[in-house]
Protein backbone atom coordinates (compact mmCIF):
# COMPACT_ATOMS: atom_id res chain seq x y z
CA MET A 1 -2.96 15.17 19.62
CA THR A 2 -4.23 17.88 22.29
CA ASN A 3 -7.93 18.83 23.13
CA ASN A 4 -7.00 22.43 21.31
CA THR A 5 -6.00 20.61 18.32
CA LEU A 6 -8.96 18.48 17.88
CA LYS A 7 -11.27 21.12 18.55
CA LEU A 8 -9.48 23.18 15.79
CA LEU A 9 -9.56 20.06 13.50
CA LEU A 10 -13.36 19.57 14.32
CA ALA A 11 -14.31 23.20 13.23
CA ILE A 12 -12.11 22.89 10.12
CA PHE A 13 -14.14 19.86 9.33
CA PHE A 14 -17.57 21.21 9.94
CA LEU A 15 -16.31 24.36 7.95
CA ALA A 16 -15.40 22.07 5.06
CA LEU A 17 -18.83 20.39 5.58
CA PHE A 18 -20.33 23.95 5.13
CA LEU A 19 -18.87 24.83 2.12
CA ARG A 20 -19.55 21.69 0.17
CA LEU A 21 -23.20 21.74 1.64
CA LEU A 22 -23.87 25.25 0.66
CA TYR A 23 -25.84 24.70 -2.24
CA PHE A 24 -25.98 20.93 -2.19
CA PRO A 25 -28.71 19.27 -3.30
CA GLY A 26 -29.33 22.08 -5.99
CA ASN A 27 -26.29 21.91 -7.61
CA VAL A 28 -25.99 17.95 -7.97
CA TYR A 29 -25.16 16.72 -11.38
CA PHE A 30 -26.87 14.44 -13.29
CA GLY A 31 -25.86 13.44 -16.89
CA ASN A 32 -24.83 10.21 -19.09
CA ASP A 33 -22.13 8.91 -16.90
CA GLN A 34 -24.44 9.27 -13.68
CA ALA A 35 -27.23 7.42 -15.47
CA ARG A 36 -25.01 4.57 -16.80
CA ASP A 37 -23.26 4.03 -13.10
CA ALA A 38 -26.91 3.74 -11.71
CA TYR A 39 -28.43 1.37 -14.41
CA TYR A 40 -25.36 -0.83 -13.89
CA SER A 41 -25.53 -0.56 -9.98
CA TYR A 42 -29.31 -1.63 -10.63
CA GLU A 43 -27.91 -4.67 -12.58
CA VAL A 44 -25.80 -5.71 -9.91
CA LEU A 45 -28.64 -5.68 -7.29
CA ARG A 46 -30.37 -7.92 -9.78
CA GLY A 47 -27.62 -10.60 -9.64
CA ASP A 48 -26.02 -9.24 -12.89
CA LEU A 49 -22.45 -9.55 -11.51
CA LYS A 50 -19.88 -6.90 -12.99
CA VAL A 51 -16.17 -7.43 -13.50
CA VAL A 52 -15.55 -4.73 -16.06
CA GLY A 53 -16.22 -0.82 -15.02
CA PRO A 54 -16.71 2.20 -16.97
CA GLY A 55 -14.50 2.70 -20.51
CA MET A 56 -11.66 5.05 -20.71
CA THR A 57 -11.36 7.76 -22.99
CA PHE A 58 -7.69 7.05 -23.24
CA SER A 59 -7.86 4.05 -24.64
CA LYS A 60 -10.45 1.82 -26.08
CA TYR A 61 -9.02 -1.12 -24.61
CA LEU A 62 -8.84 0.01 -20.89
CA HIS A 63 -11.56 0.18 -18.57
CA HIS A 64 -11.95 1.59 -14.94
CA GLY A 65 -12.51 -0.71 -11.94
CA VAL A 66 -15.94 -1.92 -11.10
CA LEU A 67 -16.29 -1.44 -7.25
CA PHE A 68 -18.07 1.84 -7.86
CA TYR A 69 -21.49 -0.22 -8.99
CA TYR A 70 -20.91 -2.73 -5.98
CA ILE A 71 -20.70 0.47 -3.52
CA MET A 72 -23.85 2.63 -5.41
CA ALA A 73 -25.54 -0.70 -5.45
CA PRO A 74 -27.01 -0.96 -1.96
CA VAL A 75 -26.82 2.71 -1.68
CA TYR A 76 -29.11 3.23 -4.82
CA PHE A 77 -31.30 0.62 -3.18
CA LEU A 78 -31.46 1.76 0.59
CA ALA A 79 -32.15 5.22 -1.05
CA GLN A 80 -34.85 3.93 -3.21
CA GLY A 81 -33.49 5.29 -6.19
CA SER A 82 -32.81 8.83 -5.06
CA PRO A 83 -29.66 10.15 -6.76
CA TYR A 84 -29.03 12.89 -3.84
CA VAL A 85 -28.34 10.26 -1.17
CA PRO A 86 -24.84 8.66 -3.22
CA ALA A 87 -23.85 12.00 -4.11
CA LEU A 88 -24.08 12.91 -0.64
CA ILE A 89 -21.84 10.12 0.18
CA ILE A 90 -19.27 11.38 -1.96
CA LEU A 91 -19.55 14.86 -0.78
CA LEU A 92 -18.99 13.33 3.11
CA LEU A 93 -16.05 11.58 1.93
CA ASN A 94 -14.29 14.45 0.36
CA ALA A 95 -15.24 16.55 3.44
CA LEU A 96 -13.58 13.78 5.59
CA GLY A 97 -10.08 14.37 3.56
CA THR A 98 -9.42 17.13 6.46
CA PHE A 99 -8.72 14.67 8.89
CA THR A 100 -6.46 12.62 6.64
CA VAL A 101 -4.35 15.86 5.07
CA PHE A 102 -4.05 16.80 8.61
CA PHE A 103 -2.27 13.78 9.64
CA ILE A 104 -0.12 13.69 6.50
CA GLY A 105 1.06 17.43 7.50
CA LYS A 106 1.52 16.18 11.20
CA ASN A 107 3.55 13.25 9.94
CA ILE A 108 5.82 15.41 7.45
CA TYR A 109 5.90 18.23 9.98
CA ASN A 110 3.79 19.07 12.85
CA GLU A 111 0.44 19.38 14.31
CA LYS A 112 0.47 23.27 13.61
CA ILE A 113 1.43 22.28 9.72
CA GLY A 114 -1.37 19.82 9.71
CA LEU A 115 -3.87 22.33 11.25
CA TRP A 116 -2.97 24.86 8.43
CA THR A 117 -2.94 21.95 5.28
CA ALA A 118 -6.54 21.14 6.71
CA PHE A 119 -7.74 24.63 6.82
CA LEU A 120 -6.24 25.29 3.18
CA TYR A 121 -7.87 21.97 2.11
CA ALA A 122 -11.22 22.78 3.78
CA ILE A 123 -11.30 26.25 1.71
CA SER A 124 -9.79 24.74 -1.45
CA PHE A 125 -12.28 25.62 -4.48
CA GLU A 126 -10.81 22.98 -6.41
CA GLN A 127 -11.76 20.22 -3.72
CA THR A 128 -15.10 21.56 -3.30
CA GLN A 129 -15.53 20.68 -6.90
CA TYR A 130 -13.87 17.45 -6.41
CA ALA A 131 -16.96 17.04 -3.82
CA LEU A 132 -19.58 17.90 -6.55
CA PHE A 133 -18.16 14.80 -8.69
CA PHE A 134 -20.61 12.67 -8.68
CA SER A 135 -19.12 9.79 -10.63
CA HIS A 136 -16.57 7.09 -10.07
CA PRO A 137 -13.34 9.55 -10.11
CA GLY A 138 -14.89 11.40 -7.16
CA MET A 139 -14.53 8.39 -4.94
CA ALA A 140 -11.00 7.89 -5.91
CA LEU A 141 -9.88 11.23 -3.82
CA PRO A 142 -10.49 9.86 -0.40
CA PHE A 143 -8.12 6.74 -1.15
CA VAL A 144 -5.53 8.73 -2.93
CA LEU A 145 -5.04 10.68 0.15
CA LEU A 146 -4.93 7.66 2.20
CA TYR A 147 -2.11 6.13 -0.07
CA TYR A 148 -0.09 9.13 1.16
CA LEU A 149 -0.99 8.93 4.44
CA GLY A 150 0.54 5.40 4.49
CA LEU A 151 3.37 6.85 2.68
CA SER A 152 3.77 9.41 5.32
CA LEU A 153 3.98 7.13 7.64
CA LEU A 154 6.54 4.92 6.09
CA VAL A 155 8.96 7.41 5.27
CA PHE A 156 8.56 9.93 8.02
CA LYS A 157 7.44 7.76 11.36
CA ASN A 158 9.35 4.83 10.01
CA ASN A 159 5.64 2.94 10.35
CA SER A 160 6.05 0.00 7.89
CA LYS A 161 2.38 -0.75 8.27
CA GLY A 162 2.07 2.31 6.17
CA LEU A 163 3.21 0.50 3.11
CA ILE A 164 0.19 -2.05 3.76
CA LEU A 165 -2.19 1.20 3.86
CA SER A 166 -0.39 2.42 0.62
CA ALA A 167 -0.76 -0.60 -1.06
CA PHE A 168 -4.32 -1.22 -0.41
CA CYS A 169 -5.48 2.25 -1.35
CA ALA A 170 -3.48 2.30 -4.33
CA GLY A 171 -5.43 -0.55 -5.86
CA ILE A 172 -8.56 0.79 -4.44
CA ALA A 173 -8.02 4.05 -6.17
CA THR A 174 -6.99 2.57 -9.37
CA GLN A 175 -10.71 0.93 -8.87
CA PHE A 176 -12.09 4.28 -9.07
CA HIS A 177 -9.90 5.86 -12.16
CA PHE A 178 -7.25 3.45 -14.04
CA SER A 179 -4.98 6.12 -14.54
CA LEU A 180 -4.06 6.13 -10.87
CA ILE A 181 -2.40 2.87 -11.35
CA ILE A 182 0.42 5.11 -11.45
CA LEU A 183 0.18 4.71 -7.62
CA VAL A 184 0.87 1.06 -7.61
CA ILE A 185 3.71 1.38 -10.14
CA LEU A 186 5.68 4.49 -8.18
CA LEU A 187 4.94 2.52 -4.94
CA PRO A 188 8.40 0.51 -5.11
CA PHE A 189 9.81 3.56 -6.38
CA PHE A 190 8.99 5.92 -3.01
CA ALA A 191 10.26 2.77 -1.11
CA LEU A 192 13.70 2.64 -2.72
CA ALA A 193 14.02 6.33 -3.31
CA PHE A 194 13.64 7.13 0.75
CA LYS A 195 15.31 3.58 1.73
CA PRO A 196 18.02 5.24 3.74
CA LYS A 197 15.39 7.09 5.77
CA ILE A 198 13.31 3.73 6.69
CA ARG A 199 13.92 1.13 9.09
CA LYS A 200 14.14 -2.19 7.53
CA ILE A 201 10.56 -3.67 6.35
CA LYS A 202 9.56 -6.87 7.76
CA ILE A 203 8.90 -9.78 5.40
CA LYS A 204 5.41 -10.07 7.00
CA ASP A 205 4.68 -6.43 6.38
CA PHE A 206 5.86 -6.70 2.60
CA SER A 207 3.68 -10.00 2.22
CA PHE A 208 0.55 -8.38 3.50
CA ALA A 209 1.24 -5.16 1.20
CA ILE A 210 1.28 -7.76 -1.59
CA ILE A 211 -2.04 -9.41 -0.22
CA ALA A 212 -3.51 -5.82 0.15
CA LEU A 213 -2.91 -4.66 -3.19
CA ALA A 214 -4.07 -8.08 -5.02
CA ILE A 215 -7.04 -8.05 -2.94
CA SER A 216 -8.36 -4.05 -3.95
CA MET A 217 -7.51 -5.04 -7.46
CA SER A 218 -9.01 -8.13 -7.79
CA THR A 219 -11.44 -7.38 -10.13
CA PHE A 220 -8.80 -6.42 -12.59
CA ILE A 221 -7.33 -9.44 -12.41
CA VAL A 222 -10.62 -11.47 -13.10
CA ALA A 223 -11.16 -9.09 -16.38
CA GLU A 224 -7.49 -9.54 -17.71
CA LEU A 225 -8.06 -13.15 -17.67
CA LYS A 226 -11.20 -12.99 -19.15
CA PHE A 227 -11.14 -10.12 -21.71
CA LYS A 228 -7.10 -9.37 -22.08
CA GLN A 229 -7.73 -5.53 -22.19
CA ILE A 230 -4.62 -4.70 -20.71
CA PHE A 231 -2.64 -7.21 -22.87
CA SER A 232 -4.55 -5.65 -26.14
CA PHE A 233 -3.68 -1.85 -24.77
CA ILE A 234 0.10 -3.25 -24.74
CA THR A 235 0.24 -4.63 -28.24
CA THR A 236 -1.48 -1.96 -29.60
CA LEU A 237 0.87 1.02 -28.65
CA GLY A 238 2.58 2.52 -31.30
CA GLN A 239 -0.18 1.54 -33.87
CA SER A 240 -2.11 3.87 -35.98
CA ASP A 241 -5.09 2.26 -34.82
CA GLY A 242 -4.15 1.56 -31.30
CA SER A 243 -2.99 3.39 -28.48
CA SER A 244 0.02 5.80 -28.19
CA PHE A 245 1.76 8.16 -26.09
CA SER A 246 2.81 11.69 -26.77
CA LEU A 247 4.32 14.96 -24.54
CA HIS A 248 1.96 17.87 -24.02
CA SER A 249 3.89 20.76 -22.41
CA ASP A 250 0.91 23.14 -22.76
CA ASN A 251 -1.23 20.66 -20.76
CA PHE A 252 1.06 20.30 -18.02
CA LEU A 253 1.51 24.09 -17.71
CA HIS A 254 -2.42 24.47 -17.62
CA ALA A 255 -2.67 22.01 -14.97
CA VAL A 256 0.19 23.86 -12.80
CA ASN A 257 -1.70 27.12 -13.18
CA ARG A 258 -4.83 25.76 -12.55
CA TYR A 259 -3.51 23.98 -9.01
CA ILE A 260 -2.58 27.56 -8.36
CA ASN A 261 -5.63 29.53 -9.67
CA ASP A 262 -8.07 26.87 -7.88
CA ASN A 263 -6.43 26.27 -4.50
CA VAL A 264 -4.34 29.26 -3.71
CA VAL A 265 -5.09 32.65 -5.78
CA ILE A 266 -6.76 33.37 -8.93
CA VAL A 267 -4.18 34.24 -11.21
CA TYR A 268 -4.77 35.40 -15.03
CA TRP A 269 -1.04 35.61 -15.99
CA SER A 270 0.97 33.39 -18.04
CA PRO A 271 1.04 29.62 -16.91
CA ILE A 272 5.11 29.99 -16.99
CA ILE A 273 5.05 32.58 -13.98
CA SER A 274 2.54 29.85 -12.20
CA LEU A 275 5.05 27.49 -13.16
CA LEU A 276 7.90 29.71 -11.37
CA ILE A 277 5.90 30.31 -8.28
CA ILE A 278 5.66 26.51 -7.60
CA THR A 279 9.99 26.11 -8.65
CA PHE A 280 10.22 29.15 -5.92
CA SER A 281 8.02 27.21 -3.38
CA PHE A 282 9.78 24.16 -3.60
CA TRP A 283 13.16 25.69 -3.53
CA TYR A 284 12.36 27.27 -0.59
CA LEU A 285 11.00 24.47 0.99
CA TYR A 286 14.14 22.83 -0.20
CA LYS A 287 16.36 24.91 1.89
CA LYS A 288 14.28 23.81 4.81
CA GLY A 289 14.35 20.21 4.65
CA LYS A 290 15.29 17.93 1.68
CA LYS A 291 13.57 14.76 2.89
CA ALA A 292 10.10 16.52 2.72
CA THR A 293 11.10 18.50 -0.08
CA ALA A 294 11.56 15.16 -2.07
CA PHE A 295 8.22 13.54 -0.94
CA LEU A 296 6.06 16.49 -1.80
CA LEU A 297 7.65 17.25 -5.01
CA ILE A 298 7.11 13.74 -6.13
CA TRP A 299 3.99 13.68 -5.08
CA PHE A 300 3.02 17.17 -6.78
CA LEU A 301 4.62 15.66 -9.95
CA ILE A 302 2.66 12.60 -9.89
CA GLY A 303 -0.36 14.82 -9.86
CA CYS A 304 1.10 16.03 -13.39
CA ILE A 305 2.27 13.32 -15.06
CA ALA A 306 -0.68 12.55 -16.99
CA TYR A 307 -1.33 16.09 -18.15
CA LEU A 308 2.23 15.61 -19.86
CA THR A 309 1.44 12.72 -21.53
CA GLY A 310 -2.38 12.70 -22.50
CA SER A 311 -4.26 15.15 -24.52
CA ALA A 312 -7.00 16.34 -22.10
CA THR A 313 -6.80 18.88 -19.34
CA THR A 314 -9.75 17.57 -17.22
CA TYR A 315 -9.58 17.68 -13.38
CA TYR A 316 -9.53 13.92 -12.67
CA TYR A 317 -6.12 13.20 -14.39
CA GLY A 318 -4.36 14.91 -11.23
CA ILE A 319 -6.62 13.50 -8.31
CA GLY A 320 -5.06 14.83 -5.35
CA GLY A 321 -2.05 16.37 -6.71
CA SER A 322 -2.70 19.59 -5.60
CA VAL A 323 -2.82 18.36 -2.14
CA SER A 324 1.25 18.21 -2.28
CA LEU A 325 0.86 22.06 -2.95
CA LEU A 326 -1.27 23.21 0.10
CA ILE A 327 1.30 21.26 2.51
CA VAL A 328 3.79 23.79 0.88
CA VAL A 329 1.64 26.72 1.24
CA ALA A 330 1.04 25.79 4.58
CA PHE A 331 4.53 25.34 5.32
CA GLY A 332 5.50 28.71 3.78
CA LEU A 333 2.48 30.48 5.77
CA THR A 334 3.71 29.03 9.00
CA GLN A 335 7.38 30.54 8.24
CA ILE A 336 6.41 33.98 6.98
CA TRP A 337 4.09 34.11 10.30
CA LEU A 338 7.16 33.80 12.31
CA ARG A 339 8.66 36.79 10.40
CA ASN A 340 5.95 38.74 9.68
CA LYS A 341 2.43 38.13 10.99
CA ASN A 342 0.68 41.21 8.83
CA PHE A 343 2.02 40.09 5.84
CA ALA A 344 1.03 36.48 6.28
CA ALA A 345 -2.05 37.41 7.44
CA VAL A 346 -2.56 39.40 3.86
CA LEU A 347 -1.69 36.32 2.15
CA LEU A 348 -4.00 34.06 4.36
CA PHE A 349 -6.89 36.87 3.38
CA ILE A 350 -6.20 36.51 -0.47
CA ILE A 351 -6.24 32.90 -0.46
CA ILE A 352 -9.50 32.97 1.57
CA ALA A 353 -11.14 35.48 -0.53
CA SER A 354 -10.10 33.59 -3.77
CA ASN A 355 -11.30 30.39 -3.00
CA LEU A 356 -14.54 31.79 -1.41
CA PHE A 357 -15.42 34.01 -4.49
CA GLN A 358 -15.23 30.85 -6.72
CA ILE A 359 -17.08 28.72 -4.31
CA THR A 360 -19.96 31.40 -4.52
CA THR A 361 -19.88 32.39 -7.81
CA ILE A 362 -19.32 28.95 -9.59
CA ASN A 363 -20.45 26.23 -7.24
CA PRO A 364 -24.19 27.19 -7.35
CA LYS A 365 -24.27 25.98 -11.14
CA GLY A 366 -22.74 22.66 -10.08
CA PRO A 367 -19.43 21.02 -11.71
CA ILE A 368 -17.13 23.08 -13.81
CA ASP A 369 -16.89 21.68 -17.50
CA SER A 370 -13.21 20.26 -16.81
CA VAL A 371 -14.88 18.17 -14.26
CA MET A 372 -18.23 17.30 -15.69
CA ALA A 373 -19.20 18.00 -19.38
CA PRO A 374 -21.09 19.23 -20.47
CA PRO A 375 -21.81 21.57 -17.43
CA GLY A 376 -25.32 22.66 -16.54
CA LEU A 377 -27.11 19.14 -16.23
CA LEU A 378 -28.37 19.34 -13.02
CA LEU A 379 -30.97 17.27 -11.33
CA THR A 380 -33.01 20.76 -10.57
CA ASP A 381 -33.32 21.31 -14.22
């Protein structure tokens, strides 16, 4: 990395930090989930160790991981009970994502596209909402990004150490939201799908990846041995009073439309048009490079799976999925810039204006209802 690149990246990071701190702490949300997490964090401090985290709305048998309590327990202690400090930590971790997405873009393409991706991440309205997500899903985002950083090292740099990083971060991300178990499940799929492009993974690296995953998911293993929650979930699939799956194409289209709306440009048209825009973007990307297109498309679809199979449209089911779209947009902007700088500047202005408009008009009120419901439960109230 050159000095100029480092300076630009630091400037982008401080821009991201500024946009996320713009209305802090007046827009810090504190509702039922935050009270619950604070209460159980204090119980951990008192020596009442937990192995089961918050329950899932998806199924009465499933629970998220317990790691959030163990992280927030010392934070609450050192902050003397102030909820502003743990909220600030989530915000800072979100801003640090600018560095992670830069290196992902750099690994897939080059430093220029890495910088464009970091900039789009910094000004993304969606990402500023995740920074306000003062709850366990908000902590998942940095580890989802690190998961894809590891995969980008593995697939595009032939660095088998990336497999270890991805395995560990998949488990940690699942701790913060159980739906992210999809990252664990699909990790072998990534390795197989890009096997021709990856040099042989050493047995040592494969073993370390399994150990890293086991460590990061150890509390789930203990909880399953004690309560058999996942076993109960599986055995009740298809039963009327148990767990079930169904397809929701309308929710999928809603998520796709929101990815465009909250990251690229405010749209008022049909979600079908947003789907066509994304389809065209990936088609254009495919013409330029099949390997990167396959990687980013799988990443994007992983961020949509929960919406297709679940009945909810809340933000956190697609944690980190939209960042793949930011990389696609960054690539498109660099290609357009080479051919028509004026047109590229107009597009960039629209993206910046769209995101800043939502940041300045919505963020003062805190998280939107698809992030935290009911909205408006701010500490300032």
